[in-house]
Structure formats: C-alpha cells, structure tokens
Amino acid sequence: MNPIDVLTSPAVAFPVFLVAAVLLYAAGRRMAPKPNNAGGKLTTYACGEDIPGIKVQFGYRLFFFVALFFTMMHVAALVIATVPSGRIALFALFYLAMIFLAVLALITRS
C-alpha cells in the first residue's frame, strides 16, 4: 500500500484536520481583542433608536404552504420528465392539468 494512500484516507485525514482546526481556532482566540462590557454593547442597533424588545412567536403555516407547493412542482417535473413519448403523452397533459388545479386550490385557499 502506498504511504500517500494511507495519509489521505478518511481515518487519518479527519483527525489531522481536526487538530489543525483546533489550533487555528486557539490562535485566533489569542489574537482577538478582549471583550469589554461597554454600555449598550449587547443591545440591538436600529439606526440610533431605542427599540424595546418584543417576543415574537413564529408559525410554520407559511413554511408548510411553500413546502407543499415545492413538493407538487418537483414531483410534477419528475413525472413529466420521465413520461415516454407516444400516446401516453396525453396522460402527461392530464397530469399537468390536475397539478394546475391543485396549485390553484392551494393558492386560493390562503
């Protein structure tokens, strides 16, 4: 076995690069300036305005809407791309019409 193959194997390369990353992180930490607790250092900057913080509760409703749309479009593209030519191409047109109606229902529901 070639020595270069041993050095480039994942079992040897991962620990070597892990040690290199830790050393680089430690060197950067030593060179960085020490933080000081100045007034307002940890507050949010909003163009010089004092903005009170508020708690915001995010929902997943829009995410699921986009995820469903994404899934329908990509499954439709996959099905249409793999339809063989010939008489079965009419199935592709029917499938596209059904996908159009499903997307239309999804858009008008929200």
PDB file of N, CA and C in Angstrom:
ATOM      1  N   MET A   1       0.850  -1.176   0.000  1.00  0.00           N
ATOM      2  CA  MET A   1       0.000   0.000   0.000  1.00  0.00           C
ATOM      3  C   MET A   1       0.899   1.244   0.000  1.00  0.00           C
ATOM      4  N   ASN A   2       0.522   2.204  -0.804  1.00  0.00           N
ATOM      5  CA  ASN A   2       1.274   3.441  -0.946  1.00  0.00           C
ATOM      6  C   ASN A   2       1.108   4.316   0.310  1.00  0.00           C
ATOM      7  N   PRO A   3       2.184   4.932   0.836  1.00  0.00           N
ATOM      8  CA  PRO A   3       2.050   5.782   2.037  1.00  0.00           C
ATOM      9  C   PRO A   3       1.143   6.992   1.817  1.00  0.00           C
ATOM     10  N   ILE A   4       1.077   7.492   0.610  1.00  0.00           N
ATOM     11  CA  ILE A   4       0.196   8.626   0.323  1.00  0.00           C
ATOM     12  C   ILE A   4      -1.267   8.207   0.472  1.00  0.00           C
ATOM     13  N   ASP A   5      -1.580   6.993   0.066  1.00  0.00           N
ATOM     14  CA  ASP A   5      -2.952   6.496   0.205  1.00  0.00           C
ATOM     15  C   ASP A   5      -3.353   6.394   1.670  1.00  0.00           C
ATOM     16  N   VAL A   6      -2.413   6.013   2.525  1.00  0.00           N
ATOM     17  CA  VAL A   6      -2.701   5.909   3.955  1.00  0.00           C
ATOM     18  C   VAL A   6      -2.938   7.293   4.544  1.00  0.00           C
ATOM     19  N   LEU A   7      -2.121   8.276   4.156  1.00  0.00           N
ATOM     20  CA  LEU A   7      -2.265   9.631   4.702  1.00  0.00           C
ATOM     21  C   LEU A   7      -3.539  10.324   4.227  1.00  0.00           C
ATOM     22  N   THR A   8      -4.000   9.982   3.056  1.00  0.00           N
ATOM     23  CA  THR A   8      -5.211  10.624   2.544  1.00  0.00           C
ATOM     24  C   THR A   8      -6.478   9.835   2.844  1.00  0.00           C
ATOM     25  N   SER A   9      -6.372   8.761   3.580  1.00  0.00           N
ATOM     26  CA  SER A   9      -7.575   8.014   3.938  1.00  0.00           C
ATOM     27  C   SER A   9      -8.371   8.816   4.969  1.00  0.00           C
ATOM     28  N   PRO A  10      -9.686   8.713   4.985  1.00  0.00           N
ATOM     29  CA  PRO A  10     -10.509   9.481   5.916  1.00  0.00           C
ATOM     30  C   PRO A  10     -10.169   9.220   7.382  1.00  0.00           C
ATOM     31  N   ALA A  11      -9.758   8.009   7.722  1.00  0.00           N
ATOM     32  CA  ALA A  11      -9.450   7.685   9.118  1.00  0.00           C
ATOM     33  C   ALA A  11      -8.223   8.440   9.614  1.00  0.00           C
ATOM     34  N   VAL A  12      -7.313   8.816   8.726  1.00  0.00           N
ATOM     35  CA  VAL A  12      -6.121   9.569   9.120  1.00  0.00           C
ATOM     36  C   VAL A  12      -6.325  11.065   8.860  1.00  0.00           C
ATOM     37  N   ALA A  13      -6.950  11.413   7.745  1.00  0.00           N
ATOM     38  CA  ALA A  13      -7.105  12.813   7.375  1.00  0.00           C
ATOM     39  C   ALA A  13      -8.023  13.566   8.340  1.00  0.00           C
ATOM     40  N   PHE A  14      -9.099  12.947   8.807  1.00  0.00           N
ATOM     41  CA  PHE A  14     -10.028  13.640   9.700  1.00  0.00           C
ATOM     42  C   PHE A  14      -9.363  14.094  10.997  1.00  0.00           C
ATOM     43  N   PRO A  15      -8.657  13.220  11.724  1.00  0.00           N
ATOM     44  CA  PRO A  15      -8.004  13.705  12.947  1.00  0.00           C
ATOM     45  C   PRO A  15      -6.943  14.780  12.673  1.00  0.00           C
ATOM     46  N   VAL A  16      -6.223  14.651  11.572  1.00  0.00           N
ATOM     47  CA  VAL A  16      -5.204  15.658  11.248  1.00  0.00           C
ATOM     48  C   VAL A  16      -5.855  17.020  11.043  1.00  0.00           C
ATOM     49  N   PHE A  17      -6.916  17.072  10.254  1.00  0.00           N
ATOM     50  CA  PHE A  17      -7.586  18.343  10.014  1.00  0.00           C
ATOM     51  C   PHE A  17      -8.346  18.836  11.239  1.00  0.00           C
ATOM     52  N   LEU A  18      -8.809  17.940  12.079  1.00  0.00           N
ATOM     53  CA  LEU A  18      -9.460  18.343  13.318  1.00  0.00           C
ATOM     54  C   LEU A  18      -8.465  19.044  14.237  1.00  0.00           C
ATOM     55  N   VAL A  19      -7.280  18.487  14.366  1.00  0.00           N
ATOM     56  CA  VAL A  19      -6.232  19.121  15.177  1.00  0.00           C
ATOM     57  C   VAL A  19      -5.840  20.462  14.575  1.00  0.00           C
ATOM     58  N   ALA A  20      -5.720  20.535  13.248  1.00  0.00           N
ATOM     59  CA  ALA A  20      -5.369  21.802  12.600  1.00  0.00           C
ATOM     60  C   ALA A  20      -6.446  22.853  12.843  1.00  0.00           C
ATOM     61  N   ALA A  21      -7.710  22.465  12.801  1.00  0.00           N
ATOM     62  CA  ALA A  21      -8.798  23.413  13.043  1.00  0.00           C
ATOM     63  C   ALA A  21      -8.793  23.905  14.486  1.00  0.00           C
ATOM     64  N   VAL A  22      -8.548  23.020  15.427  1.00  0.00           N
ATOM     65  CA  VAL A  22      -8.498  23.419  16.842  1.00  0.00           C
ATOM     66  C   VAL A  22      -7.340  24.379  17.079  1.00  0.00           C
ATOM     67  N   LEU A  23      -6.185  24.114  16.485  1.00  0.00           N
ATOM     68  CA  LEU A  23      -5.033  25.006  16.628  1.00  0.00           C
ATOM     69  C   LEU A  23      -5.301  26.367  15.995  1.00  0.00           C
ATOM     70  N   LEU A  24      -5.945  26.380  14.843  1.00  0.00           N
ATOM     71  CA  LEU A  24      -6.287  27.647  14.195  1.00  0.00           C
ATOM     72  C   LEU A  24      -7.292  28.431  15.027  1.00  0.00           C
ATOM     73  N   TYR A  25      -8.271  27.743  15.607  1.00  0.00           N
ATOM     74  CA  TYR A  25      -9.251  28.396  16.476  1.00  0.00           C
ATOM     75  C   TYR A  25      -8.567  28.985  17.713  1.00  0.00           C
ATOM     76  N   ALA A  26      -7.650  28.236  18.322  1.00  0.00           N
ATOM     77  CA  ALA A  26      -6.938  28.727  19.511  1.00  0.00           C
ATOM     78  C   ALA A  26      -6.068  29.926  19.167  1.00  0.00           C
ATOM     79  N   ALA A  27      -5.417  29.907  18.018  1.00  0.00           N
ATOM     80  CA  ALA A  27      -4.585  31.049  17.615  1.00  0.00           C
ATOM     81  C   ALA A  27      -5.450  32.279  17.378  1.00  0.00           C
ATOM     82  N   GLY A  28      -6.591  32.117  16.756  1.00  0.00           N
ATOM     83  CA  GLY A  28      -7.493  33.242  16.534  1.00  0.00           C
ATOM     84  C   GLY A  28      -8.049  33.793  17.825  1.00  0.00           C
ATOM     85  N   ARG A  29      -8.313  32.911  18.781  1.00  0.00           N
ATOM     86  CA  ARG A  29      -8.822  33.356  20.072  1.00  0.00           C
ATOM     87  C   ARG A  29      -7.779  34.164  20.837  1.00  0.00           C
ATOM     88  N   ARG A  30      -6.506  33.780  20.693  1.00  0.00           N
ATOM     89  CA  ARG A  30      -5.432  34.528  21.349  1.00  0.00           C
ATOM     90  C   ARG A  30      -5.226  35.896  20.731  1.00  0.00           C
ATOM     91  N   MET A  31      -5.381  35.989  19.408  1.00  0.00           N
ATOM     92  CA  MET A  31      -5.150  37.262  18.718  1.00  0.00           C
ATOM     93  C   MET A  31      -6.324  38.226  18.849  1.00  0.00           C
ATOM     94  N   ALA A  32      -7.510  37.733  19.133  1.00  0.00           N
ATOM     95  CA  ALA A  32      -8.701  38.581  19.206  1.00  0.00           C
ATOM     96  C   ALA A  32      -8.625  39.505  20.416  1.00  0.00           C
ATOM     97  N   PRO A  33      -9.148  40.724  20.290  1.00  0.00           N
ATOM     98  CA  PRO A  33      -9.147  41.635  21.438  1.00  0.00           C
ATOM     99  C   PRO A  33     -10.086  41.128  22.530  1.00  0.00           C
ATOM    100  N   LYS A  34      -9.765  41.438  23.745  1.00  0.00           N
ATOM    101  CA  LYS A  34     -10.598  41.030  24.872  1.00  0.00           C
ATOM    102  C   LYS A  34     -11.884  41.853  24.885  1.00  0.00           C
ATOM    103  N   PRO A  35     -13.027  41.219  25.088  1.00  0.00           N
ATOM    104  CA  PRO A  35     -14.287  41.979  25.102  1.00  0.00           C
ATOM    105  C   PRO A  35     -14.414  42.814  26.374  1.00  0.00           C
ATOM    106  N   ASN A  36     -15.007  43.989  26.206  1.00  0.00           N
ATOM    107  CA  ASN A  36     -15.289  44.830  27.382  1.00  0.00           C
ATOM    108  C   ASN A  36     -16.785  45.093  27.434  1.00  0.00           C
ATOM    109  N   ASN A  37     -17.302  45.229  28.609  1.00  0.00           N
ATOM    110  CA  ASN A  37     -18.738  45.422  28.803  1.00  0.00           C
ATOM    111  C   ASN A  37     -19.070  46.905  28.789  1.00  0.00           C
ATOM    112  N   ALA A  38     -19.078  47.509  27.616  1.00  0.00           N
ATOM    113  CA  ALA A  38     -19.455  48.911  27.479  1.00  0.00           C
ATOM    114  C   ALA A  38     -20.982  49.001  27.441  1.00  0.00           C
ATOM    115  N   GLY A  39     -21.513  50.152  27.837  1.00  0.00           N
ATOM    116  CA  GLY A  39     -22.960  50.325  27.854  1.00  0.00           C
ATOM    117  C   GLY A  39     -23.569  50.229  26.465  1.00  0.00           C
ATOM    118  N   GLY A  40     -24.568  49.438  26.322  1.00  0.00           N
ATOM    119  CA  GLY A  40     -25.262  49.289  25.054  1.00  0.00           C
ATOM    120  C   GLY A  40     -24.563  48.400  24.048  1.00  0.00           C
ATOM    121  N   LYS A  41     -23.504  47.733  24.448  1.00  0.00           N
ATOM    122  CA  LYS A  41     -22.750  46.901  23.504  1.00  0.00           C
ATOM    123  C   LYS A  41     -23.570  45.705  23.027  1.00  0.00           C
ATOM    124  N   LEU A  42     -24.379  45.166  23.884  1.00  0.00           N
ATOM    125  CA  LEU A  42     -25.149  43.973  23.525  1.00  0.00           C
ATOM    126  C   LEU A  42     -26.584  44.285  23.115  1.00  0.00           C
ATOM    127  N   THR A  43     -26.937  45.576  22.982  1.00  0.00           N
ATOM    128  CA  THR A  43     -28.290  45.925  22.554  1.00  0.00           C
ATOM    129  C   THR A  43     -28.384  45.900  21.029  1.00  0.00           C
ATOM    130  N   THR A  44     -29.604  45.758  20.535  1.00  0.00           N
ATOM    131  CA  THR A  44     -29.833  45.723  19.102  1.00  0.00           C
ATOM    132  C   THR A  44     -29.684  47.118  18.521  1.00  0.00           C
ATOM    133  N   TYR A  45     -28.968  47.223  17.404  1.00  0.00           N
ATOM    134  CA  TYR A  45     -28.793  48.520  16.755  1.00  0.00           C
ATOM    135  C   TYR A  45     -29.916  48.745  15.765  1.00  0.00           C
ATOM    136  N   ALA A  46     -30.585  49.888  15.898  1.00  0.00           N
ATOM    137  CA  ALA A  46     -31.676  50.218  14.986  1.00  0.00           C
ATOM    138  C   ALA A  46     -31.551  51.683  14.589  1.00  0.00           C
ATOM    139  N   CYS A  47     -30.452  52.040  13.955  1.00  0.00           N
ATOM    140  CA  CYS A  47     -30.204  53.399  13.464  1.00  0.00           C
ATOM    141  C   CYS A  47     -30.269  54.431  14.585  1.00  0.00           C
ATOM    142  N   GLY A  48     -29.788  54.096  15.733  1.00  0.00           N
ATOM    143  CA  GLY A  48     -29.733  55.031  16.843  1.00  0.00           C
ATOM    144  C   GLY A  48     -31.000  55.128  17.662  1.00  0.00           C
ATOM    145  N   GLU A  49     -32.036  54.404  17.285  1.00  0.00           N
ATOM    146  CA  GLU A  49     -33.295  54.460  18.023  1.00  0.00           C
ATOM    147  C   GLU A  49     -33.311  53.403  19.110  1.00  0.00           C
ATOM    148  N   ASP A  50     -33.986  53.737  20.208  1.00  0.00           N
ATOM    149  CA  ASP A  50     -34.194  52.741  21.259  1.00  0.00           C
ATOM    150  C   ASP A  50     -35.474  51.978  20.950  1.00  0.00           C
ATOM    151  N   ILE A  51     -35.325  50.734  20.561  1.00  0.00           N
ATOM    152  CA  ILE A  51     -36.471  49.898  20.219  1.00  0.00           C
ATOM    153  C   ILE A  51     -36.641  48.870  21.330  1.00  0.00           C
ATOM    154  N   PRO A  52     -37.789  48.845  21.981  1.00  0.00           N
ATOM    155  CA  PRO A  52     -37.979  47.827  23.014  1.00  0.00           C
ATOM    156  C   PRO A  52     -38.131  46.448  22.379  1.00  0.00           C
ATOM    157  N   GLY A  53     -37.574  45.469  23.033  1.00  0.00           N
ATOM    158  CA  GLY A  53     -37.676  44.103  22.527  1.00  0.00           C
ATOM    159  C   GLY A  53     -39.051  43.529  22.775  1.00  0.00           C
ATOM    160  N   ILE A  54     -39.553  42.789  21.805  1.00  0.00           N
ATOM    161  CA  ILE A  54     -40.828  42.118  21.957  1.00  0.00           C
ATOM    162  C   ILE A  54     -40.640  40.648  21.604  1.00  0.00           C
ATOM    163  N   LYS A  55     -41.465  39.815  22.200  1.00  0.00           N
ATOM    164  CA  LYS A  55     -41.393  38.386  21.910  1.00  0.00           C
ATOM    165  C   LYS A  55     -42.273  38.086  20.703  1.00  0.00           C
ATOM    166  N   VAL A  56     -41.682  37.417  19.735  1.00  0.00           N
ATOM    167  CA  VAL A  56     -42.396  37.085  18.516  1.00  0.00           C
ATOM    168  C   VAL A  56     -42.505  35.572  18.424  1.00  0.00           C
ATOM    169  N   GLN A  57     -43.711  35.103  18.161  1.00  0.00           N
ATOM    170  CA  GLN A  57     -43.941  33.674  18.009  1.00  0.00           C
ATOM    171  C   GLN A  57     -44.116  33.375  16.525  1.00  0.00           C
ATOM    172  N   PHE A  58     -43.163  32.679  15.965  1.00  0.00           N
ATOM    173  CA  PHE A  58     -43.241  32.326  14.553  1.00  0.00           C
ATOM    174  C   PHE A  58     -44.051  31.051  14.387  1.00  0.00           C
ATOM    175  N   GLY A  59     -44.771  30.976  13.287  1.00  0.00           N
ATOM    176  CA  GLY A  59     -45.548  29.790  12.980  1.00  0.00           C
ATOM    177  C   GLY A  59     -44.995  29.100  11.741  1.00  0.00           C
ATOM    178  N   TYR A  60     -45.417  27.880  11.554  1.00  0.00           N
ATOM    179  CA  TYR A  60     -44.961  27.093  10.420  1.00  0.00           C
ATOM    180  C   TYR A  60     -45.974  27.049   9.289  1.00  0.00           C
ATOM    181  N   ARG A  61     -47.042  27.820   9.393  1.00  0.00           N
ATOM    182  CA  ARG A  61     -48.101  27.737   8.389  1.00  0.00           C
ATOM    183  C   ARG A  61     -47.576  28.097   7.001  1.00  0.00           C
ATOM    184  N   LEU A  62     -46.840  29.201   6.884  1.00  0.00           N
ATOM    185  CA  LEU A  62     -46.299  29.595   5.591  1.00  0.00           C
ATOM    186  C   LEU A  62     -45.261  28.595   5.104  1.00  0.00           C
ATOM    187  N   PHE A  63     -44.486  28.041   6.025  1.00  0.00           N
ATOM    188  CA  PHE A  63     -43.493  27.038   5.640  1.00  0.00           C
ATOM    189  C   PHE A  63     -44.160  25.830   5.002  1.00  0.00           C
ATOM    190  N   PHE A  64     -45.240  25.333   5.596  1.00  0.00           N
ATOM    191  CA  PHE A  64     -45.915  24.159   5.055  1.00  0.00           C
ATOM    192  C   PHE A  64     -46.559  24.472   3.707  1.00  0.00           C
ATOM    193  N   PHE A  65     -47.049  25.693   3.540  1.00  0.00           N
ATOM    194  CA  PHE A  65     -47.611  26.120   2.260  1.00  0.00           C
ATOM    195  C   PHE A  65     -46.537  26.069   1.173  1.00  0.00           C
ATOM    196  N   VAL A  66     -45.382  26.630   1.448  1.00  0.00           N
ATOM    197  CA  VAL A  66     -44.278  26.641   0.477  1.00  0.00           C
ATOM    198  C   VAL A  66     -43.745  25.228   0.256  1.00  0.00           C
ATOM    199  N   ALA A  67     -43.645  24.443   1.306  1.00  0.00           N
ATOM    200  CA  ALA A  67     -43.140  23.070   1.171  1.00  0.00           C
ATOM    201  C   ALA A  67     -44.077  22.222   0.310  1.00  0.00           C
ATOM    202  N   LEU A  68     -45.375  22.380   0.493  1.00  0.00           N
ATOM    203  CA  LEU A  68     -46.328  21.628  -0.313  1.00  0.00           C
ATOM    204  C   LEU A  68     -46.256  22.053  -1.778  1.00  0.00           C
ATOM    205  N   PHE A  69     -46.157  23.355  -2.018  1.00  0.00           N
ATOM    206  CA  PHE A  69     -46.017  23.858  -3.387  1.00  0.00           C
ATOM    207  C   PHE A  69     -44.741  23.320  -4.030  1.00  0.00           C
ATOM    208  N   PHE A  70     -43.635  23.388  -3.297  1.00  0.00           N
ATOM    209  CA  PHE A  70     -42.347  22.881  -3.776  1.00  0.00           C
ATOM    210  C   PHE A  70     -42.447  21.396  -4.125  1.00  0.00           C
ATOM    211  N   THR A  71     -43.072  20.614  -3.261  1.00  0.00           N
ATOM    212  CA  THR A  71     -43.199  19.178  -3.493  1.00  0.00           C
ATOM    213  C   THR A  71     -44.039  18.891  -4.728  1.00  0.00           C
ATOM    214  N   MET A  72     -45.163  19.576  -4.857  1.00  0.00           N
ATOM    215  CA  MET A  72     -46.027  19.341  -6.013  1.00  0.00           C
ATOM    216  C   MET A  72     -45.315  19.696  -7.314  1.00  0.00           C
ATOM    217  N   MET A  73     -44.609  20.811  -7.344  1.00  0.00           N
ATOM    218  CA  MET A  73     -43.926  21.227  -8.570  1.00  0.00           C
ATOM    219  C   MET A  73     -42.806  20.257  -8.946  1.00  0.00           C
ATOM    220  N   HIS A  74     -42.052  19.803  -7.960  1.00  0.00           N
ATOM    221  CA  HIS A  74     -40.940  18.918  -8.283  1.00  0.00           C
ATOM    222  C   HIS A  74     -41.390  17.499  -8.632  1.00  0.00           C
ATOM    223  N   VAL A  75     -42.429  17.040  -8.006  1.00  0.00           N
ATOM    224  CA  VAL A  75     -42.970  15.734  -8.386  1.00  0.00           C
ATOM    225  C   VAL A  75     -43.572  15.818  -9.788  1.00  0.00           C
ATOM    226  N   ALA A  76     -44.244  16.909 -10.094  1.00  0.00           N
ATOM    227  CA  ALA A  76     -44.798  17.091 -11.438  1.00  0.00           C
ATOM    228  C   ALA A  76     -43.683  17.124 -12.476  1.00  0.00           C
ATOM    229  N   ALA A  77     -42.613  17.848 -12.189  1.00  0.00           N
ATOM    230  CA  ALA A  77     -41.488  17.908 -13.132  1.00  0.00           C
ATOM    231  C   ALA A  77     -40.865  16.526 -13.318  1.00  0.00           C
ATOM    232  N   LEU A  78     -40.746  15.774 -12.243  1.00  0.00           N
ATOM    233  CA  LEU A  78     -40.180  14.428 -12.341  1.00  0.00           C
ATOM    234  C   LEU A  78     -41.064  13.505 -13.172  1.00  0.00           C
ATOM    235  N   VAL A  79     -42.365  13.569 -12.945  1.00  0.00           N
ATOM    236  CA  VAL A  79     -43.286  12.707 -13.693  1.00  0.00           C
ATOM    237  C   VAL A  79     -43.292  13.091 -15.166  1.00  0.00           C
ATOM    238  N   ILE A  80     -43.373  14.369 -15.458  1.00  0.00           N
ATOM    239  CA  ILE A  80     -43.413  14.817 -16.845  1.00  0.00           C
ATOM    240  C   ILE A  80     -42.095  14.496 -17.557  1.00  0.00           C
ATOM    241  N   ALA A  81     -40.983  14.618 -16.874  1.00  0.00           N
ATOM    242  CA  ALA A  81     -39.678  14.346 -17.496  1.00  0.00           C
ATOM    243  C   ALA A  81     -39.498  12.866 -17.798  1.00  0.00           C
ATOM    244  N   THR A  82     -40.191  12.008 -17.093  1.00  0.00           N
ATOM    245  CA  THR A  82     -39.992  10.575 -17.296  1.00  0.00           C
ATOM    246  C   THR A  82     -41.116   9.906 -18.087  1.00  0.00           C
ATOM    247  N   VAL A  83     -42.074  10.694 -18.592  1.00  0.00           N
ATOM    248  CA  VAL A  83     -43.161  10.123 -19.393  1.00  0.00           C
ATOM    249  C   VAL A  83     -42.614   9.770 -20.774  1.00  0.00           C
ATOM    250  N   PRO A  84     -42.815   8.550 -21.228  1.00  0.00           N
ATOM    251  CA  PRO A  84     -42.346   8.193 -22.579  1.00  0.00           C
ATOM    252  C   PRO A  84     -43.195   8.884 -23.643  1.00  0.00           C
ATOM    253  N   SER A  85     -42.634   9.033 -24.820  1.00  0.00           N
ATOM    254  CA  SER A  85     -43.376   9.686 -25.896  1.00  0.00           C
ATOM    255  C   SER A  85     -44.416   8.725 -26.469  1.00  0.00           C
ATOM    256  N   GLY A  86     -45.324   9.286 -27.223  1.00  0.00           N
ATOM    257  CA  GLY A  86     -46.356   8.455 -27.832  1.00  0.00           C
ATOM    258  C   GLY A  86     -47.729   8.791 -27.290  1.00  0.00           C
ATOM    259  N   ARG A  87     -48.597   7.800 -27.266  1.00  0.00           N
ATOM    260  CA  ARG A  87     -49.981   8.021 -26.838  1.00  0.00           C
ATOM    261  C   ARG A  87     -50.068   8.353 -25.357  1.00  0.00           C
ATOM    262  N   ILE A  88     -49.113   7.898 -24.587  1.00  0.00           N
ATOM    263  CA  ILE A  88     -49.166   8.160 -23.145  1.00  0.00           C
ATOM    264  C   ILE A  88     -48.870   9.626 -22.825  1.00  0.00           C
ATOM    265  N   ALA A  89     -48.448  10.388 -23.825  1.00  0.00           N
ATOM    266  CA  ALA A  89     -48.202  11.817 -23.616  1.00  0.00           C
ATOM    267  C   ALA A  89     -49.493  12.543 -23.239  1.00  0.00           C
ATOM    268  N   LEU A  90     -50.643  12.002 -23.627  1.00  0.00           N
ATOM    269  CA  LEU A  90     -51.915  12.603 -23.203  1.00  0.00           C
ATOM    270  C   LEU A  90     -52.069  12.520 -21.690  1.00  0.00           C
ATOM    271  N   PHE A  91     -51.550  11.459 -21.095  1.00  0.00           N
ATOM    272  CA  PHE A  91     -51.551  11.356 -19.631  1.00  0.00           C
ATOM    273  C   PHE A  91     -50.767  12.508 -19.016  1.00  0.00           C
ATOM    274  N   ALA A  92     -49.666  12.892 -19.645  1.00  0.00           N
ATOM    275  CA  ALA A  92     -48.845  13.989 -19.131  1.00  0.00           C
ATOM    276  C   ALA A  92     -49.632  15.297 -19.137  1.00  0.00           C
ATOM    277  N   LEU A  93     -50.382  15.540 -20.207  1.00  0.00           N
ATOM    278  CA  LEU A  93     -51.202  16.755 -20.257  1.00  0.00           C
ATOM    279  C   LEU A  93     -52.296  16.723 -19.188  1.00  0.00           C
ATOM    280  N   PHE A  94     -52.929  15.582 -18.998  1.00  0.00           N
ATOM    281  CA  PHE A  94     -53.937  15.441 -17.954  1.00  0.00           C
ATOM    282  C   PHE A  94     -53.313  15.657 -16.573  1.00  0.00           C
ATOM    283  N   TYR A  95     -52.121  15.104 -16.372  1.00  0.00           N
ATOM    284  CA  TYR A  95     -51.432  15.253 -15.096  1.00  0.00           C
ATOM    285  C   TYR A  95     -51.081  16.714 -14.836  1.00  0.00           C
ATOM    286  N   LEU A  96     -50.612  17.416 -15.871  1.00  0.00           N
ATOM    287  CA  LEU A  96     -50.314  18.840 -15.717  1.00  0.00           C
ATOM    288  C   LEU A  96     -51.564  19.643 -15.376  1.00  0.00           C
ATOM    289  N   ALA A  97     -52.686  19.287 -15.975  1.00  0.00           N
ATOM    290  CA  ALA A  97     -53.938  19.982 -15.665  1.00  0.00           C
ATOM    291  C   ALA A  97     -54.332  19.748 -14.205  1.00  0.00           C
ATOM    292  N   MET A  98     -54.176  18.533 -13.715  1.00  0.00           N
ATOM    293  CA  MET A  98     -54.504  18.236 -12.319  1.00  0.00           C
ATOM    294  C   MET A  98     -53.551  18.973 -11.357  1.00  0.00           C
ATOM    295  N   ILE A  99     -52.286  19.034 -11.710  1.00  0.00           N
ATOM    296  CA  ILE A  99     -51.332  19.776 -10.879  1.00  0.00           C
ATOM    297  C   ILE A  99     -51.693  21.258 -10.880  1.00  0.00           C
ATOM    298  N   PHE A 100     -52.084  21.791 -12.034  1.00  0.00           N
ATOM    299  CA  PHE A 100     -52.512  23.189 -12.102  1.00  0.00           C
ATOM    300  C   PHE A 100     -53.693  23.442 -11.176  1.00  0.00           C
ATOM    301  N   LEU A 101     -54.682  22.558 -11.195  1.00  0.00           N
ATOM    302  CA  LEU A 101     -55.845  22.725 -10.320  1.00  0.00           C
ATOM    303  C   LEU A 101     -55.461  22.609  -8.845  1.00  0.00           C
ATOM    304  N   ALA A 102     -54.537  21.704  -8.531  1.00  0.00           N
ATOM    305  CA  ALA A 102     -54.096  21.562  -7.142  1.00  0.00           C
ATOM    306  C   ALA A 102     -53.358  22.798  -6.657  1.00  0.00           C
ATOM    307  N   VAL A 103     -52.507  23.363  -7.504  1.00  0.00           N
ATOM    308  CA  VAL A 103     -51.792  24.590  -7.136  1.00  0.00           C
ATOM    309  C   VAL A 103     -52.767  25.751  -7.031  1.00  0.00           C
ATOM    310  N   LEU A 104     -53.730  25.808  -7.926  1.00  0.00           N
ATOM    311  CA  LEU A 104     -54.749  26.859  -7.871  1.00  0.00           C
ATOM    312  C   LEU A 104     -55.542  26.773  -6.570  1.00  0.00           C
ATOM    313  N   ALA A 105     -55.896  25.566  -6.168  1.00  0.00           N
ATOM    314  CA  ALA A 105     -56.617  25.379  -4.896  1.00  0.00           C
ATOM    315  C   ALA A 105     -55.722  25.769  -3.708  1.00  0.00           C
ATOM    316  N   LEU A 106     -54.462  25.465  -3.808  1.00  0.00           N
ATOM    317  CA  LEU A 106     -53.534  25.804  -2.727  1.00  0.00           C
ATOM    318  C   LEU A 106     -53.369  27.321  -2.599  1.00  0.00           C
ATOM    319  N   ILE A 107     -53.274  27.998  -3.731  1.00  0.00           N
ATOM    320  CA  ILE A 107     -53.075  29.456  -3.714  1.00  0.00           C
ATOM    321  C   ILE A 107     -54.329  30.178  -3.257  1.00  0.00           C
ATOM    322  N   THR A 108     -55.491  29.773  -3.731  1.00  0.00           N
ATOM    323  CA  THR A 108     -56.726  30.493  -3.390  1.00  0.00           C
ATOM    324  C   THR A 108     -57.207  30.175  -1.985  1.00  0.00           C
ATOM    325  N   ARG A 109     -56.731  29.126  -1.387  1.00  0.00           N
ATOM    326  CA  ARG A 109     -57.154  28.775  -0.027  1.00  0.00           C
ATOM    327  C   ARG A 109     -56.552  29.707   1.006  1.00  0.00           C
ATOM    328  N   SER A 110     -55.328  30.178   0.780  1.00  0.00           N
ATOM    329  CA  SER A 110     -54.636  31.009   1.773  1.00  0.00           C
ATOM    330  C   SER A 110     -55.091  32.438   1.721  1.00  0.00           C
TER     331      SER A 110
END
